[in-house]
C-alpha atoms as a PDB file:
ATOM      1  CA  ALA A   1      -5.464  -6.820   4.622  1.00  0.00           C
ATOM      2  CA  LEU A   2      -6.525  -9.966   5.491  1.00  0.00           C
ATOM      3  CA  ASP A   3      -5.506 -12.571   7.907  1.00  0.00           C
ATOM      4  CA  SER A   4      -4.656 -16.394   6.156  1.00  0.00           C
ATOM      5  CA  ASP A   5      -8.408 -17.005   6.768  1.00  0.00           C
ATOM      6  CA  LEU A   6      -9.343 -14.194   4.368  1.00  0.00           C
ATOM      7  CA  ARG A   7     -11.036 -12.157   6.976  1.00  0.00           C
ATOM      8  CA  PRO A   8     -10.740  -9.289   7.053  1.00  0.00           C
ATOM      9  CA  ILE A   9      -7.941  -7.581   9.836  1.00  0.00           C
ATOM     10  CA  ARG A  10      -8.822  -4.245   9.556  1.00  0.00           C
ATOM     11  CA  ASP A  11     -10.911  -1.371   8.218  1.00  0.00           C
ATOM     12  CA  ALA A  12     -10.118  -1.322   4.207  1.00  0.00           C
ATOM     13  CA  LYS A  13      -7.804   1.867   3.915  1.00  0.00           C
ATOM     14  CA  LEU A  14      -9.213   3.913  -0.014  1.00  0.00           C
ATOM     15  CA  TRP A  15      -8.069   5.348  -2.404  1.00  0.00           C
ATOM     16  CA  CYS A  16      -8.957   8.423  -1.074  1.00  0.00           C
ATOM     17  CA  ASP A  17      -7.382   8.254   2.123  1.00  0.00           C
ATOM     18  CA  VAL A  18      -4.161  10.583   2.636  1.00  0.00           C
ATOM     19  CA  GLU A  19      -2.584   8.730   6.177  1.00  0.00           C
ATOM     20  CA  ALA A  20       0.174   7.499   3.477  1.00  0.00           C
ATOM     21  CA  SER A  21       0.928  11.017   2.278  1.00  0.00           C
ATOM     22  CA  SER A  22       5.186  10.838   3.511  1.00  0.00           C
ATOM     23  CA  GLN A  23       5.409   7.288   2.961  1.00  0.00           C
ATOM     24  CA  ALA A  24       3.878   7.763  -0.977  1.00  0.00           C
ATOM     25  CA  GLU A  25       6.763  10.950  -0.679  1.00  0.00           C
ATOM     26  CA  ARG A  26       9.827   8.308   0.312  1.00  0.00           C
ATOM     27  CA  PHE A  27       8.356   5.874  -2.551  1.00  0.00           C
ATOM     28  CA  SER A  28       8.019   8.642  -4.973  1.00  0.00           C
ATOM     29  CA  SER A  29      12.414   9.500  -3.813  1.00  0.00           C
ATOM     30  CA  LEU A  30      13.809   6.509  -3.906  1.00  0.00           C
ATOM     31  CA  ALA A  31      11.332   6.088  -7.646  1.00  0.00           C
ATOM     32  CA  THR A  32      13.286   8.751  -8.848  1.00  0.00           C
ATOM     33  CA  GLU A  33      16.522   7.952  -7.620  1.00  0.00           C
ATOM     34  CA  ALA A  34      16.689   4.619  -8.654  1.00  0.00           C
ATOM     35  CA  LEU A  35      15.396   6.482 -12.762  1.00  0.00           C
ATOM     36  CA  ARG A  36      18.603   9.179 -12.790  1.00  0.00           C
ATOM     37  CA  SER A  37      20.878   6.606 -11.514  1.00  0.00           C
ATOM     38  CA  ARG A  38      19.760   4.608 -14.914  1.00  0.00           C
ATOM     39  CA  GLY A  39      20.303   8.235 -16.948  1.00  0.00           C
ATOM     40  CA  ASP A  40      16.476   8.344 -17.764  1.00  0.00           C
ATOM     41  CA  GLY A  41      15.725  12.404 -16.199  1.00  0.00           C
ATOM     42  CA  ARG A  42      12.001  11.420 -15.288  1.00  0.00           C
ATOM     43  CA  THR A  43      10.409  11.616 -12.177  1.00  0.00           C
ATOM     44  CA  TRP A  44       8.040   8.985 -10.499  1.00  0.00           C
ATOM     45  CA  SER A  45       5.063  10.144  -8.545  1.00  0.00           C
ATOM     46  CA  VAL A  46       3.497   8.874  -6.119  1.00  0.00           C
ATOM     47  CA  THR A  47       0.239   9.394  -4.114  1.00  0.00           C
ATOM     48  CA  ALA A  48      -1.255   7.921  -1.093  1.00  0.00           C
ATOM     49  CA  GLY A  49      -3.824   6.213  -3.028  1.00  0.00           C
ATOM     50  CA  PHE A  50      -2.046   4.003  -4.131  1.00  0.00           C
ATOM     51  CA  THR A  51      -1.267   0.349  -2.340  1.00  0.00           C
ATOM     52  CA  ALA A  52       2.355   0.282  -1.573  1.00  0.00           C
ATOM     53  CA  PRO A  53       2.260   3.686   0.862  1.00  0.00           C
ATOM     54  CA  LYS A  54      -0.592   1.963   2.370  1.00  0.00           C
ATOM     55  CA  VAL A  55       0.618  -1.001   3.349  1.00  0.00           C
ATOM     56  CA  LEU A  56       4.233   0.596   3.638  1.00  0.00           C
ATOM     57  CA  TRP A  57       1.809   2.566   6.765  1.00  0.00           C
ATOM     58  CA  MET A  58       0.841  -0.570   7.975  1.00  0.00           C
ATOM     59  CA  ILE A  59       4.324  -1.914   8.839  1.00  0.00           C
ATOM     60  CA  GLU A  60       5.607   1.059  10.773  1.00  0.00           C
ATOM     61  CA  ASN A  61       2.348   2.381  12.328  1.00  0.00           C
ATOM     62  CA  GLU A  62       0.333  -1.204  12.952  1.00  0.00           C
ATOM     63  CA  PRO A  63       2.606  -3.810  12.308  1.00  0.00           C
ATOM     64  CA  GLU A  64       0.974  -5.919  15.089  1.00  0.00           C
ATOM     65  CA  ASN A  65      -1.926  -6.190  12.561  1.00  0.00           C
ATOM     66  CA  TRP A  66       1.012  -5.801   9.507  1.00  0.00           C
ATOM     67  CA  GLU A  67       2.530  -9.595  11.558  1.00  0.00           C
ATOM     68  CA  ARG A  68      -1.334 -11.279  10.623  1.00  0.00           C
ATOM     69  CA  VAL A  69      -1.690 -10.128   6.618  1.00  0.00           C
ATOM     70  CA  ARG A  70      -1.410 -13.450   4.203  1.00  0.00           C
ATOM     71  CA  TRP A  71      -3.100 -11.495   1.445  1.00  0.00           C
ATOM     72  CA  VAL A  72      -3.436  -7.384   0.407  1.00  0.00           C
ATOM     73  CA  VAL A  73      -6.634  -6.864  -1.467  1.00  0.00           C
ATOM     74  CA  LEU A  74      -8.370  -4.618  -3.139  1.00  0.00           C
ATOM     75  CA  PRO A  75     -11.988  -3.945  -1.762  1.00  0.00           C
ATOM     76  CA  HIS A  76     -12.797  -4.983  -4.885  1.00  0.00           C
ATOM     77  CA  ASP A  77     -11.123  -8.008  -5.047  1.00  0.00           C
ATOM     78  CA  TYR A  78     -12.183  -8.778  -1.612  1.00  0.00           C
ATOM     79  CA  VAL A  79     -16.247  -8.489  -2.150  1.00  0.00           C
ATOM     80  CA  ASN A  80     -14.882 -11.224  -5.368  1.00  0.00           C
ATOM     81  CA  VAL A  81     -13.758 -13.403  -2.435  1.00  0.00           C
ATOM     82  CA  VAL A  82     -16.905 -12.914  -1.051  1.00  0.00           C
ATOM     83  CA  LEU A  83     -19.115 -13.788  -3.821  1.00  0.00           C
ATOM     84  CA  ARG A  84     -17.312 -16.355  -5.022  1.00  0.00           C
END
């Protein structure tokens, strides 16, 4: 999560961080419901390692940080920003 000056707002949450497990479960349930509402019997599994649950975790647990976010990038993208 970067601010408008491309500075990190907080330490990065890497793929192995499972703190957003409950958010991932909600994403999975909503996605599965959406598929089933279209007659599709598949399920969609979102893990805590995905970016979307981590963003939702920040919104819910660190709203003061989320207010400052301008860009959400993956670690390798941030390295490219720094090297430019």
